[in-house]
PDB file of N, CA and C in Angstrom:
ATOM      1  N   MET A   1     -17.221 -31.229   0.073  1.00  0.00           N
ATOM      2  CA  MET A   1     -16.726 -30.132   0.878  1.00  0.00           C
ATOM      3  C   MET A   1     -17.915 -29.260   1.279  1.00  0.00           C
ATOM      4  N   SER A   2     -18.006 -28.918   2.557  1.00  0.00           N
ATOM      5  CA  SER A   2     -19.128 -28.125   3.051  1.00  0.00           C
ATOM      6  C   SER A   2     -18.941 -26.657   2.692  1.00  0.00           C
ATOM      7  N   ASP A   3     -20.040 -25.896   2.826  1.00  0.00           N
ATOM      8  CA  ASP A   3     -19.964 -24.449   2.572  1.00  0.00           C
ATOM      9  C   ASP A   3     -18.971 -23.794   3.505  1.00  0.00           C
ATOM     10  N   THR A   4     -18.904 -24.284   4.754  1.00  0.00           N
ATOM     11  CA  THR A   4     -17.969 -23.712   5.720  1.00  0.00           C
ATOM     12  C   THR A   4     -16.539 -23.932   5.266  1.00  0.00           C
ATOM     13  N   ASP A   5     -16.226 -25.148   4.783  1.00  0.00           N
ATOM     14  CA  ASP A   5     -14.877 -25.442   4.306  1.00  0.00           C
ATOM     15  C   ASP A   5     -14.506 -24.579   3.108  1.00  0.00           C
ATOM     16  N   GLN A   6     -15.470 -24.345   2.215  1.00  0.00           N
ATOM     17  CA  GLN A   6     -15.195 -23.545   1.036  1.00  0.00           C
ATOM     18  C   GLN A   6     -14.939 -22.084   1.380  1.00  0.00           C
ATOM     19  N   ASN A   7     -15.575 -21.588   2.445  1.00  0.00           N
ATOM     20  CA  ASN A   7     -15.431 -20.184   2.817  1.00  0.00           C
ATOM     21  C   ASN A   7     -14.188 -19.928   3.655  1.00  0.00           C
ATOM     22  N   GLU A   8     -13.602 -20.970   4.236  1.00  0.00           N
ATOM     23  CA  GLU A   8     -12.421 -20.796   5.065  1.00  0.00           C
ATOM     24  C   GLU A   8     -11.174 -20.966   4.219  1.00  0.00           C
ATOM     25  N   THR A   9     -10.377 -19.924   4.146  1.00  0.00           N
ATOM     26  CA  THR A   9      -9.114 -19.987   3.419  1.00  0.00           C
ATOM     27  C   THR A   9      -8.058 -19.349   4.280  1.00  0.00           C
ATOM     28  N   SER A  10      -6.840 -19.741   4.064  1.00  0.00           N
ATOM     29  CA  SER A  10      -5.759 -19.107   4.821  1.00  0.00           C
ATOM     30  C   SER A  10      -5.504 -17.732   4.244  1.00  0.00           C
ATOM     31  N   SER A  11      -4.902 -16.865   5.068  1.00  0.00           N
ATOM     32  CA  SER A  11      -4.664 -15.497   4.607  1.00  0.00           C
ATOM     33  C   SER A  11      -3.731 -15.468   3.404  1.00  0.00           C
ATOM     34  N   SER A  12      -2.810 -16.432   3.289  1.00  0.00           N
ATOM     35  CA  SER A  12      -1.886 -16.422   2.153  1.00  0.00           C
ATOM     36  C   SER A  12      -2.603 -16.712   0.839  1.00  0.00           C
ATOM     37  N   GLU A  13      -3.752 -17.387   0.890  1.00  0.00           N
ATOM     38  CA  GLU A  13      -4.501 -17.658  -0.332  1.00  0.00           C
ATOM     39  C   GLU A  13      -5.226 -16.413  -0.837  1.00  0.00           C
ATOM     40  N   ASN A  14      -5.425 -15.430   0.048  1.00  0.00           N
ATOM     41  CA  ASN A  14      -6.163 -14.236  -0.321  1.00  0.00           C
ATOM     42  C   ASN A  14      -5.258 -13.102  -0.786  1.00  0.00           C
ATOM     43  N   LEU A  15      -3.953 -13.280  -0.688  1.00  0.00           N
ATOM     44  CA  LEU A  15      -3.033 -12.221  -1.057  1.00  0.00           C
ATOM     45  C   LEU A  15      -2.855 -12.160  -2.569  1.00  0.00           C
ATOM     46  N   ILE A  16      -2.671 -10.957  -3.084  1.00  0.00           N
ATOM     47  CA  ILE A  16      -2.436 -10.750  -4.513  1.00  0.00           C
ATOM     48  C   ILE A  16      -0.980 -10.371  -4.693  1.00  0.00           C
ATOM     49  N   ASP A  17      -0.307 -11.025  -5.600  1.00  0.00           N
ATOM     50  CA  ASP A  17       1.074 -10.669  -5.908  1.00  0.00           C
ATOM     51  C   ASP A  17       1.034  -9.527  -6.914  1.00  0.00           C
ATOM     52  N   LEU A  18       1.129  -8.290  -6.408  1.00  0.00           N
ATOM     53  CA  LEU A  18       1.018  -7.125  -7.283  1.00  0.00           C
ATOM     54  C   LEU A  18       2.144  -7.050  -8.296  1.00  0.00           C
ATOM     55  N   GLU A  19       3.317  -7.565  -7.940  1.00  0.00           N
ATOM     56  CA  GLU A  19       4.454  -7.497  -8.863  1.00  0.00           C
ATOM     57  C   GLU A  19       4.167  -8.252 -10.158  1.00  0.00           C
ATOM     58  N   SER A  20       3.433  -9.357 -10.067  1.00  0.00           N
ATOM     59  CA  SER A  20       3.220 -10.150 -11.273  1.00  0.00           C
ATOM     60  C   SER A  20       1.833  -9.957 -11.883  1.00  0.00           C
ATOM     61  N   SER A  21       0.889  -9.361 -11.140  1.00  0.00           N
ATOM     62  CA  SER A  21      -0.465  -9.280 -11.671  1.00  0.00           C
ATOM     63  C   SER A  21      -0.913  -7.868 -12.041  1.00  0.00           C
ATOM     64  N   VAL A  22      -0.143  -6.843 -11.674  1.00  0.00           N
ATOM     65  CA  VAL A  22      -0.549  -5.468 -11.953  1.00  0.00           C
ATOM     66  C   VAL A  22       0.600  -4.733 -12.632  1.00  0.00           C
ATOM     67  N   SER A  23       0.274  -3.982 -13.662  1.00  0.00           N
ATOM     68  CA  SER A  23       1.282  -3.181 -14.341  1.00  0.00           C
ATOM     69  C   SER A  23       1.515  -1.898 -13.550  1.00  0.00           C
ATOM     70  N   VAL A  24       2.759  -1.661 -13.171  1.00  0.00           N
ATOM     71  CA  VAL A  24       3.123  -0.459 -12.427  1.00  0.00           C
ATOM     72  C   VAL A  24       3.860   0.470 -13.375  1.00  0.00           C
ATOM     73  N   PRO A  25       3.300   1.660 -13.644  1.00  0.00           N
ATOM     74  CA  PRO A  25       3.960   2.558 -14.592  1.00  0.00           C
ATOM     75  C   PRO A  25       5.276   3.066 -14.040  1.00  0.00           C
ATOM     76  N   SER A  26       6.275   3.178 -14.899  1.00  0.00           N
ATOM     77  CA  SER A  26       7.570   3.691 -14.456  1.00  0.00           C
ATOM     78  C   SER A  26       7.727   5.167 -14.809  1.00  0.00           C
ATOM     79  N   SER A  27       6.825   5.707 -15.617  1.00  0.00           N
ATOM     80  CA  SER A  27       6.958   7.082 -16.092  1.00  0.00           C
ATOM     81  C   SER A  27       6.418   8.123 -15.121  1.00  0.00           C
ATOM     82  N   GLY A  28       5.586   7.725 -14.163  1.00  0.00           N
ATOM     83  CA  GLY A  28       5.008   8.684 -13.231  1.00  0.00           C
ATOM     84  C   GLY A  28       3.810   9.422 -13.791  1.00  0.00           C
ATOM     85  N   GLU A  29       3.246   8.930 -14.885  1.00  0.00           N
ATOM     86  CA  GLU A  29       2.078   9.584 -15.471  1.00  0.00           C
ATOM     87  C   GLU A  29       0.814   9.105 -14.779  1.00  0.00           C
ATOM     88  N   LEU A  30       0.032  10.068 -14.301  1.00  0.00           N
ATOM     89  CA  LEU A  30      -1.251   9.779 -13.660  1.00  0.00           C
ATOM     90  C   LEU A  30      -2.344  10.359 -14.541  1.00  0.00           C
ATOM     91  N   TYR A  31      -3.141   9.477 -15.133  1.00  0.00           N
ATOM     92  CA  TYR A  31      -4.184   9.931 -16.042  1.00  0.00           C
ATOM     93  C   TYR A  31      -5.324  10.597 -15.285  1.00  0.00           C
ATOM     94  N   GLU A  32      -6.071  11.432 -16.011  1.00  0.00           N
ATOM     95  CA  GLU A  32      -7.154  12.183 -15.401  1.00  0.00           C
ATOM     96  C   GLU A  32      -8.224  11.264 -14.882  1.00  0.00           C
ATOM     97  N   PRO A  33      -9.017  11.748 -13.955  1.00  0.00           N
ATOM     98  CA  PRO A  33      -9.154  11.181 -12.629  1.00  0.00           C
ATOM     99  C   PRO A  33      -8.931   9.677 -12.624  1.00  0.00           C
ATOM    100  N   SER A  34      -7.979   9.285 -11.798  1.00  0.00           N
ATOM    101  CA  SER A  34      -7.630   7.866 -11.732  1.00  0.00           C
ATOM    102  C   SER A  34      -6.914   7.540 -10.433  1.00  0.00           C
ATOM    103  N   GLU A  35      -6.852   6.258 -10.165  1.00  0.00           N
ATOM    104  CA  GLU A  35      -6.026   5.714  -9.095  1.00  0.00           C
ATOM    105  C   GLU A  35      -4.979   4.842  -9.775  1.00  0.00           C
ATOM    106  N   THR A  36      -3.707   5.103  -9.510  1.00  0.00           N
ATOM    107  CA  THR A  36      -2.615   4.394 -10.171  1.00  0.00           C
ATOM    108  C   THR A  36      -1.656   3.843  -9.134  1.00  0.00           C
ATOM    109  N   ILE A  37      -1.271   2.595  -9.276  1.00  0.00           N
ATOM    110  CA  ILE A  37      -0.281   2.009  -8.374  1.00  0.00           C
ATOM    111  C   ILE A  37       1.084   2.543  -8.772  1.00  0.00           C
ATOM    112  N   VAL A  38       1.785   3.127  -7.794  1.00  0.00           N
ATOM    113  CA  VAL A  38       3.094   3.724  -8.056  1.00  0.00           C
ATOM    114  C   VAL A  38       4.130   3.153  -7.093  1.00  0.00           C
ATOM    115  N   PRO A  39       5.373   3.009  -7.552  1.00  0.00           N
ATOM    116  CA  PRO A  39       6.442   2.561  -6.657  1.00  0.00           C
ATOM    117  C   PRO A  39       6.973   3.731  -5.830  1.00  0.00           C
ATOM    118  N   ILE A  40       7.326   3.450  -4.583  1.00  0.00           N
ATOM    119  CA  ILE A  40       7.990   4.431  -3.729  1.00  0.00           C
ATOM    120  C   ILE A  40       9.315   3.812  -3.306  1.00  0.00           C
ATOM    121  N   ALA A  41      10.416   4.416  -3.735  1.00  0.00           N
ATOM    122  CA  ALA A  41      11.748   3.893  -3.416  1.00  0.00           C
ATOM    123  C   ALA A  41      11.985   3.965  -1.908  1.00  0.00           C
ATOM    124  N   SER A  42      12.697   2.953  -1.387  1.00  0.00           N
ATOM    125  CA  SER A  42      12.983   2.915   0.044  1.00  0.00           C
ATOM    126  C   SER A  42      14.358   2.307   0.285  1.00  0.00           C
ATOM    127  N   THR A  43      15.083   2.898   1.239  1.00  0.00           N
ATOM    128  CA  THR A  43      16.372   2.333   1.650  1.00  0.00           C
ATOM    129  C   THR A  43      16.205   1.519   2.930  1.00  0.00           C
ATOM    130  N   ARG A  44      14.967   1.358   3.378  1.00  0.00           N
ATOM    131  CA  ARG A  44      14.701   0.552   4.576  1.00  0.00           C
ATOM    132  C   ARG A  44      15.010  -0.906   4.265  1.00  0.00           C
ATOM    133  N   PRO A  45      15.297  -1.712   5.302  1.00  0.00           N
ATOM    134  CA  PRO A  45      15.642  -3.123   5.065  1.00  0.00           C
ATOM    135  C   PRO A  45      14.537  -3.892   4.342  1.00  0.00           C
ATOM    136  N   GLU A  46      14.956  -4.800   3.505  1.00  0.00           N
ATOM    137  CA  GLU A  46      14.041  -5.681   2.774  1.00  0.00           C
ATOM    138  C   GLU A  46      13.142  -6.418   3.769  1.00  0.00           C
ATOM    139  N   GLY A  47      11.857  -6.459   3.493  1.00  0.00           N
ATOM    140  CA  GLY A  47      10.925  -7.210   4.321  1.00  0.00           C
ATOM    141  C   GLY A  47      10.289  -6.420   5.448  1.00  0.00           C
ATOM    142  N   ILE A  48      10.762  -5.204   5.710  1.00  0.00           N
ATOM    143  CA  ILE A  48      10.168  -4.406   6.786  1.00  0.00           C
ATOM    144  C   ILE A  48       8.860  -3.792   6.288  1.00  0.00           C
ATOM    145  N   ALA A  49       7.845  -3.756   7.152  1.00  0.00           N
ATOM    146  CA  ALA A  49       6.548  -3.185   6.770  1.00  0.00           C
ATOM    147  C   ALA A  49       6.503  -1.704   7.119  1.00  0.00           C
ATOM    148  N   LEU A  50       5.992  -0.911   6.192  1.00  0.00           N
ATOM    149  CA  LEU A  50       5.881   0.530   6.381  1.00  0.00           C
ATOM    150  C   LEU A  50       4.421   0.956   6.259  1.00  0.00           C
ATOM    151  N   ILE A  51       4.062   1.976   7.013  1.00  0.00           N
ATOM    152  CA  ILE A  51       2.725   2.567   6.949  1.00  0.00           C
ATOM    153  C   ILE A  51       2.874   3.957   6.334  1.00  0.00           C
ATOM    154  N   VAL A  52       2.134   4.205   5.282  1.00  0.00           N
ATOM    155  CA  VAL A  52       2.082   5.535   4.682  1.00  0.00           C
ATOM    156  C   VAL A  52       0.633   5.996   4.833  1.00  0.00           C
ATOM    157  N   HIS A  53       0.450   7.100   5.552  1.00  0.00           N
ATOM    158  CA  HIS A  53      -0.893   7.649   5.728  1.00  0.00           C
ATOM    159  C   HIS A  53      -1.240   8.525   4.530  1.00  0.00           C
ATOM    160  N   SER A  54      -2.514   8.607   4.240  1.00  0.00           N
ATOM    161  CA  SER A  54      -2.976   9.414   3.122  1.00  0.00           C
ATOM    162  C   SER A  54      -2.445  10.841   3.246  1.00  0.00           C
ATOM    163  N   GLN A  55      -1.901  11.348   2.141  1.00  0.00           N
ATOM    164  CA  GLN A  55      -1.330  12.694   2.152  1.00  0.00           C
ATOM    165  C   GLN A  55      -1.281  13.256   0.745  1.00  0.00           C
ATOM    166  N   ILE A  56      -1.290  14.569   0.688  1.00  0.00           N
ATOM    167  CA  ILE A  56      -1.213  15.263  -0.597  1.00  0.00           C
ATOM    168  C   ILE A  56       0.254  15.424  -0.963  1.00  0.00           C
ATOM    169  N   LEU A  57       0.568  15.155  -2.233  1.00  0.00           N
ATOM    170  CA  LEU A  57       1.929  15.350  -2.727  1.00  0.00           C
ATOM    171  C   LEU A  57       2.127  16.805  -3.128  1.00  0.00           C
ATOM    172  N   GLN A  58       3.275  17.106  -3.725  1.00  0.00           N
ATOM    173  CA  GLN A  58       3.564  18.481  -4.105  1.00  0.00           C
ATOM    174  C   GLN A  58       2.532  19.044  -5.070  1.00  0.00           C
ATOM    175  N   GLU A  59       1.944  18.188  -5.880  1.00  0.00           N
ATOM    176  CA  GLU A  59       0.832  18.608  -6.746  1.00  0.00           C
ATOM    177  C   GLU A  59      -0.428  18.538  -5.897  1.00  0.00           C
ATOM    178  N   GLU A  60      -1.172  19.624  -5.779  1.00  0.00           N
ATOM    179  CA  GLU A  60      -2.331  19.604  -4.889  1.00  0.00           C
ATOM    180  C   GLU A  60      -3.430  18.648  -5.345  1.00  0.00           C
ATOM    181  N   ASN A  61      -3.405  18.225  -6.611  1.00  0.00           N
ATOM    182  CA  ASN A  61      -4.415  17.304  -7.118  1.00  0.00           C
ATOM    183  C   ASN A  61      -3.981  15.843  -7.044  1.00  0.00           C
ATOM    184  N   VAL A  62      -2.853  15.568  -6.395  1.00  0.00           N
ATOM    185  CA  VAL A  62      -2.371  14.189  -6.280  1.00  0.00           C
ATOM    186  C   VAL A  62      -2.264  13.819  -4.811  1.00  0.00           C
ATOM    187  N   ARG A  63      -2.876  12.699  -4.473  1.00  0.00           N
ATOM    188  CA  ARG A  63      -2.868  12.202  -3.100  1.00  0.00           C
ATOM    189  C   ARG A  63      -2.374  10.763  -3.102  1.00  0.00           C
ATOM    190  N   ILE A  64      -1.558  10.437  -2.101  1.00  0.00           N
ATOM    191  CA  ILE A  64      -1.181   9.038  -1.865  1.00  0.00           C
ATOM    192  C   ILE A  64      -2.205   8.477  -0.889  1.00  0.00           C
ATOM    193  N   GLY A  65      -2.753   7.320  -1.202  1.00  0.00           N
ATOM    194  CA  GLY A  65      -3.729   6.701  -0.317  1.00  0.00           C
ATOM    195  C   GLY A  65      -3.058   5.988   0.850  1.00  0.00           C
ATOM    196  N   ASN A  66      -3.835   5.684   1.896  1.00  0.00           N
ATOM    197  CA  ASN A  66      -3.318   4.917   3.026  1.00  0.00           C
ATOM    198  C   ASN A  66      -2.804   3.572   2.544  1.00  0.00           C
ATOM    199  N   VAL A  67      -1.641   3.161   3.066  1.00  0.00           N
ATOM    200  CA  VAL A  67      -1.100   1.859   2.677  1.00  0.00           C
ATOM    201  C   VAL A  67      -0.220   1.297   3.789  1.00  0.00           C
ATOM    202  N   VAL A  68      -0.305  -0.005   3.966  1.00  0.00           N
ATOM    203  CA  VAL A  68       0.661  -0.759   4.768  1.00  0.00           C
ATOM    204  C   VAL A  68       1.251  -1.756   3.788  1.00  0.00           C
ATOM    205  N   ASN A  69       2.562  -1.667   3.573  1.00  0.00           N
ATOM    206  CA  ASN A  69       3.192  -2.514   2.565  1.00  0.00           C
ATOM    207  C   ASN A  69       4.592  -2.888   3.013  1.00  0.00           C
ATOM    208  N   THR A  70       5.102  -3.963   2.459  1.00  0.00           N
ATOM    209  CA  THR A  70       6.419  -4.486   2.803  1.00  0.00           C
ATOM    210  C   THR A  70       7.436  -4.084   1.742  1.00  0.00           C
ATOM    211  N   VAL A  71       8.616  -3.683   2.194  1.00  0.00           N
ATOM    212  CA  VAL A  71       9.682  -3.304   1.266  1.00  0.00           C
ATOM    213  C   VAL A  71      10.147  -4.554   0.509  1.00  0.00           C
ATOM    214  N   LYS A  72      10.074  -4.483  -0.808  1.00  0.00           N
ATOM    215  CA  LYS A  72      10.549  -5.557  -1.684  1.00  0.00           C
ATOM    216  C   LYS A  72      11.342  -4.915  -2.807  1.00  0.00           C
ATOM    217  N   GLN A  73      12.518  -5.411  -3.049  1.00  0.00           N
ATOM    218  CA  GLN A  73      13.381  -4.919  -4.123  1.00  0.00           C
ATOM    219  C   GLN A  73      13.566  -3.401  -4.043  1.00  0.00           C
ATOM    220  N   GLY A  74      13.718  -2.891  -2.811  1.00  0.00           N
ATOM    221  CA  GLY A  74      13.999  -1.483  -2.606  1.00  0.00           C
ATOM    222  C   GLY A  74      12.841  -0.537  -2.828  1.00  0.00           C
ATOM    223  N   LYS A  75      11.601  -1.053  -2.735  1.00  0.00           N
ATOM    224  CA  LYS A  75      10.445  -0.176  -2.920  1.00  0.00           C
ATOM    225  C   LYS A  75       9.213  -0.768  -2.251  1.00  0.00           C
ATOM    226  N   ILE A  76       8.229   0.092  -2.053  1.00  0.00           N
ATOM    227  CA  ILE A  76       6.891  -0.352  -1.690  1.00  0.00           C
ATOM    228  C   ILE A  76       5.952   0.164  -2.774  1.00  0.00           C
ATOM    229  N   LEU A  77       4.783  -0.416  -2.847  1.00  0.00           N
ATOM    230  CA  LEU A  77       3.786   0.045  -3.807  1.00  0.00           C
ATOM    231  C   LEU A  77       2.670   0.756  -3.060  1.00  0.00           C
ATOM    232  N   ALA A  78       2.189   1.844  -3.641  1.00  0.00           N
ATOM    233  CA  ALA A  78       1.098   2.612  -3.054  1.00  0.00           C
ATOM    234  C   ALA A  78       0.179   3.084  -4.181  1.00  0.00           C
ATOM    235  N   VAL A  79      -0.947   3.646  -3.799  1.00  0.00           N
ATOM    236  CA  VAL A  79      -1.880   4.168  -4.782  1.00  0.00           C
ATOM    237  C   VAL A  79      -1.782   5.686  -4.804  1.00  0.00           C
ATOM    238  N   ALA A  80      -1.552   6.237  -5.994  1.00  0.00           N
ATOM    239  CA  ALA A  80      -1.577   7.688  -6.199  1.00  0.00           C
ATOM    240  C   ALA A  80      -2.902   8.024  -6.863  1.00  0.00           C
ATOM    241  N   ILE A  81      -3.586   9.007  -6.314  1.00  0.00           N
ATOM    242  CA  ILE A  81      -4.903   9.384  -6.816  1.00  0.00           C
ATOM    243  C   ILE A  81      -4.813  10.764  -7.468  1.00  0.00           C
ATOM    244  N   ASN A  82      -5.143  10.816  -8.751  1.00  0.00           N
ATOM    245  CA  ASN A  82      -5.196  12.081  -9.490  1.00  0.00           C
ATOM    246  C   ASN A  82      -6.647  12.530  -9.484  1.00  0.00           C
ATOM    247  N   THR A  83      -6.939  13.643  -8.800  1.00  0.00           N
ATOM    248  CA  THR A  83      -8.317  14.132  -8.706  1.00  0.00           C
ATOM    249  C   THR A  83      -8.636  15.184  -9.750  1.00  0.00           C
ATOM    250  N   SER A  84      -7.656  15.544 -10.577  1.00  0.00           N
ATOM    251  CA  SER A  84      -7.869  16.595 -11.574  1.00  0.00           C
ATOM    252  C   SER A  84      -8.444  16.014 -12.866  1.00  0.00           C
ATOM    253  N   GLU A  85      -8.725  16.893 -13.776  1.00  0.00           N
ATOM    254  CA  GLU A  85      -9.219  16.496 -15.101  1.00  0.00           C
ATOM    255  C   GLU A  85      -8.103  16.521 -16.125  1.00  0.00           C
ATOM    256  N   GLU A  86      -6.851  16.530 -15.666  1.00  0.00           N
ATOM    257  CA  GLU A  86      -5.695  16.602 -16.559  1.00  0.00           C
ATOM    258  C   GLU A  86      -4.699  15.497 -16.251  1.00  0.00           C
ATOM    259  N   LEU A  87      -3.896  15.154 -17.246  1.00  0.00           N
ATOM    260  CA  LEU A  87      -2.777  14.239 -17.062  1.00  0.00           C
ATOM    261  C   LEU A  87      -1.737  14.944 -16.197  1.00  0.00           C
ATOM    262  N   ILE A  88      -1.255  14.272 -15.162  1.00  0.00           N
ATOM    263  CA  ILE A  88      -0.222  14.836 -14.294  1.00  0.00           C
ATOM    264  C   ILE A  88       0.948  13.866 -14.275  1.00  0.00           C
ATOM    265  N   THR A  89       2.153  14.398 -14.378  1.00  0.00           N
ATOM    266  CA  THR A  89       3.358  13.587 -14.273  1.00  0.00           C
ATOM    267  C   THR A  89       4.036  13.920 -12.956  1.00  0.00           C
ATOM    268  N   ILE A  90       4.267  12.900 -12.155  1.00  0.00           N
ATOM    269  CA  ILE A  90       4.930  13.114 -10.868  1.00  0.00           C
ATOM    270  C   ILE A  90       6.357  12.576 -10.957  1.00  0.00           C
ATOM    271  N   PRO A  91       7.273  13.163 -10.200  1.00  0.00           N
ATOM    272  CA  PRO A  91       8.653  12.660 -10.184  1.00  0.00           C
ATOM    273  C   PRO A  91       8.701  11.329  -9.438  1.00  0.00           C
ATOM    274  N   PRO A  92       9.784  10.572  -9.590  1.00  0.00           N
ATOM    275  CA  PRO A  92       9.919   9.335  -8.815  1.00  0.00           C
ATOM    276  C   PRO A  92       9.784   9.644  -7.321  1.00  0.00           C
ATOM    277  N   LEU A  93       9.062   8.783  -6.609  1.00  0.00           N
ATOM    278  CA  LEU A  93       8.818   8.994  -5.182  1.00  0.00           C
ATOM    279  C   LEU A  93       9.853   8.265  -4.342  1.00  0.00           C
ATOM    280  N   ASN A  94      10.221   8.887  -3.220  1.00  0.00           N
ATOM    281  CA  ASN A  94      11.158   8.287  -2.276  1.00  0.00           C
ATOM    282  C   ASN A  94      10.528   8.347  -0.899  1.00  0.00           C
ATOM    283  N   ILE A  95      10.597   7.256  -0.162  1.00  0.00           N
ATOM    284  CA  ILE A  95       9.950   7.160   1.149  1.00  0.00           C
ATOM    285  C   ILE A  95      10.430   8.251   2.104  1.00  0.00           C
ATOM    286  N   GLU A  96      11.677   8.689   1.962  1.00  0.00           N
ATOM    287  CA  GLU A  96      12.216   9.712   2.859  1.00  0.00           C
ATOM    288  C   GLU A  96      11.589  11.085   2.612  1.00  0.00           C
ATOM    289  N   GLU A  97      10.901  11.256   1.490  1.00  0.00           N
ATOM    290  CA  GLU A  97      10.303  12.550   1.153  1.00  0.00           C
ATOM    291  C   GLU A  97       8.828  12.644   1.517  1.00  0.00           C
ATOM    292  N   ILE A  98       8.264  11.551   2.040  1.00  0.00           N
ATOM    293  CA  ILE A  98       6.861  11.565   2.443  1.00  0.00           C
ATOM    294  C   ILE A  98       6.751  11.072   3.882  1.00  0.00           C
ATOM    295  N   GLU A  99       5.610  11.331   4.502  1.00  0.00           N
ATOM    296  CA  GLU A  99       5.409  10.912   5.887  1.00  0.00           C
ATOM    297  C   GLU A  99       5.116   9.417   5.935  1.00  0.00           C
ATOM    298  N   PHE A 100       5.833   8.710   6.811  1.00  0.00           N
ATOM    299  CA  PHE A 100       5.623   7.278   6.960  1.00  0.00           C
ATOM    300  C   PHE A 100       6.066   6.864   8.356  1.00  0.00           C
ATOM    301  N   GLU A 101       5.750   5.641   8.730  1.00  0.00           N
ATOM    302  CA  GLU A 101       6.253   5.056   9.970  1.00  0.00           C
ATOM    303  C   GLU A 101       6.423   3.562   9.764  1.00  0.00           C
ATOM    304  N   GLU A 102       7.269   2.963  10.589  1.00  0.00           N
ATOM    305  CA  GLU A 102       7.438   1.517  10.518  1.00  0.00           C
ATOM    306  C   GLU A 102       6.272   0.848  11.227  1.00  0.00           C
ATOM    307  N   PHE A 103       5.768  -0.222  10.630  1.00  0.00           N
ATOM    308  CA  PHE A 103       4.679  -0.986  11.216  1.00  0.00           C
ATOM    309  C   PHE A 103       5.253  -1.897  12.286  1.00  0.00           C
ATOM    310  N   ARG A 104       4.720  -1.819  13.472  1.00  0.00           N
ATOM    311  CA  ARG A 104       5.170  -2.663  14.580  1.00  0.00           C
ATOM    312  C   ARG A 104       4.006  -3.535  15.025  1.00  0.00           C
ATOM    313  N   GLU A 105       4.179  -4.834  14.855  1.00  0.00           N
ATOM    314  CA  GLU A 105       3.158  -5.763  15.285  1.00  0.00           C
ATOM    315  C   GLU A 105       3.202  -5.911  16.793  1.00  0.00           C
ATOM    316  N   THR A 106       2.059  -5.960  17.420  1.00  0.00           N
ATOM    317  CA  THR A 106       2.005  -6.163  18.863  1.00  0.00           C
ATOM    318  C   THR A 106       1.119  -7.352  19.154  1.00  0.00           C
ATOM    319  N   SER A 107       1.380  -7.970  20.267  1.00  0.00           N
ATOM    320  CA  SER A 107       0.514  -9.082  20.650  1.00  0.00           C
ATOM    321  C   SER A 107      -0.574  -8.537  21.551  1.00  0.00           C
ATOM    322  N   MET A 108      -1.727  -9.193  21.514  1.00  0.00           N
ATOM    323  CA  MET A 108      -2.858  -8.717  22.277  1.00  0.00           C
ATOM    324  C   MET A 108      -3.527  -9.911  22.933  1.00  0.00           C
ATOM    325  N   SER A 109      -3.887  -9.761  24.177  1.00  0.00           N
ATOM    326  CA  SER A 109      -4.637 -10.799  24.875  1.00  0.00           C
ATOM    327  C   SER A 109      -6.077 -10.345  24.991  1.00  0.00           C
ATOM    328  N   ILE A 110      -6.978 -11.255  24.769  1.00  0.00           N
ATOM    329  CA  ILE A 110      -8.398 -10.928  24.868  1.00  0.00           C
ATOM    330  C   ILE A 110      -8.920 -11.571  26.150  1.00  0.00           C
ATOM    331  N   ALA A 111      -9.442 -10.755  27.021  1.00  0.00           N
ATOM    332  CA  ALA A 111      -9.994 -11.250  28.274  1.00  0.00           C
ATOM    333  C   ALA A 111     -11.416 -11.733  28.026  1.00  0.00           C
ATOM    334  N   THR A 112     -11.724 -12.872  28.603  1.00  0.00           N
ATOM    335  CA  THR A 112     -13.071 -13.399  28.480  1.00  0.00           C
ATOM    336  C   THR A 112     -13.657 -13.579  29.882  1.00  0.00           C
ATOM    337  N   ASN A 113     -14.922 -13.443  29.993  1.00  0.00           N
ATOM    338  CA  ASN A 113     -15.606 -13.615  31.267  1.00  0.00           C
ATOM    339  C   ASN A 113     -15.966 -15.080  31.428  1.00  0.00           C
ATOM    340  N   THR A 114     -15.347 -15.740  32.378  1.00  0.00           N
ATOM    341  CA  THR A 114     -15.612 -17.161  32.583  1.00  0.00           C
ATOM    342  C   THR A 114     -16.674 -17.375  33.663  1.00  0.00           C
ATOM    343  N   MET A 115     -17.098 -16.305  34.301  1.00  0.00           N
ATOM    344  CA  MET A 115     -18.130 -16.425  35.343  1.00  0.00           C
ATOM    345  C   MET A 115     -19.495 -16.418  34.674  1.00  0.00           C
ATOM    346  N   LYS A 116     -20.317 -17.305  35.093  1.00  0.00           N
ATOM    347  CA  LYS A 116     -21.666 -17.375  34.502  1.00  0.00           C
ATOM    348  C   LYS A 116     -22.703 -17.176  35.536  1.00  0.00           C
TER     349      LYS A 116
END
């Protein structure tokens, strides 16, 4: 197998199944300074992709990072960042309580110059 063949993989081979490979805390505890994967409950249809832009939560030291994720089992996963030097406990998150939008895929044509 050539180096080129080894470097080419399909996008599905590069995806990480967070549900089975990462522990997601259910208590809402964010340890001092840390990034923690947290569930955000959603009533949106299963399989729909949502965009959550980085934003500060009710605690000024907690920020949700930018994420594009698909609703699975009534939730999406996002990263909560605790910037303080203290343990912070956040309440369960709901998508309707934070800013988000539905991800809409668009097709794009790339024009090339065929004149030489």
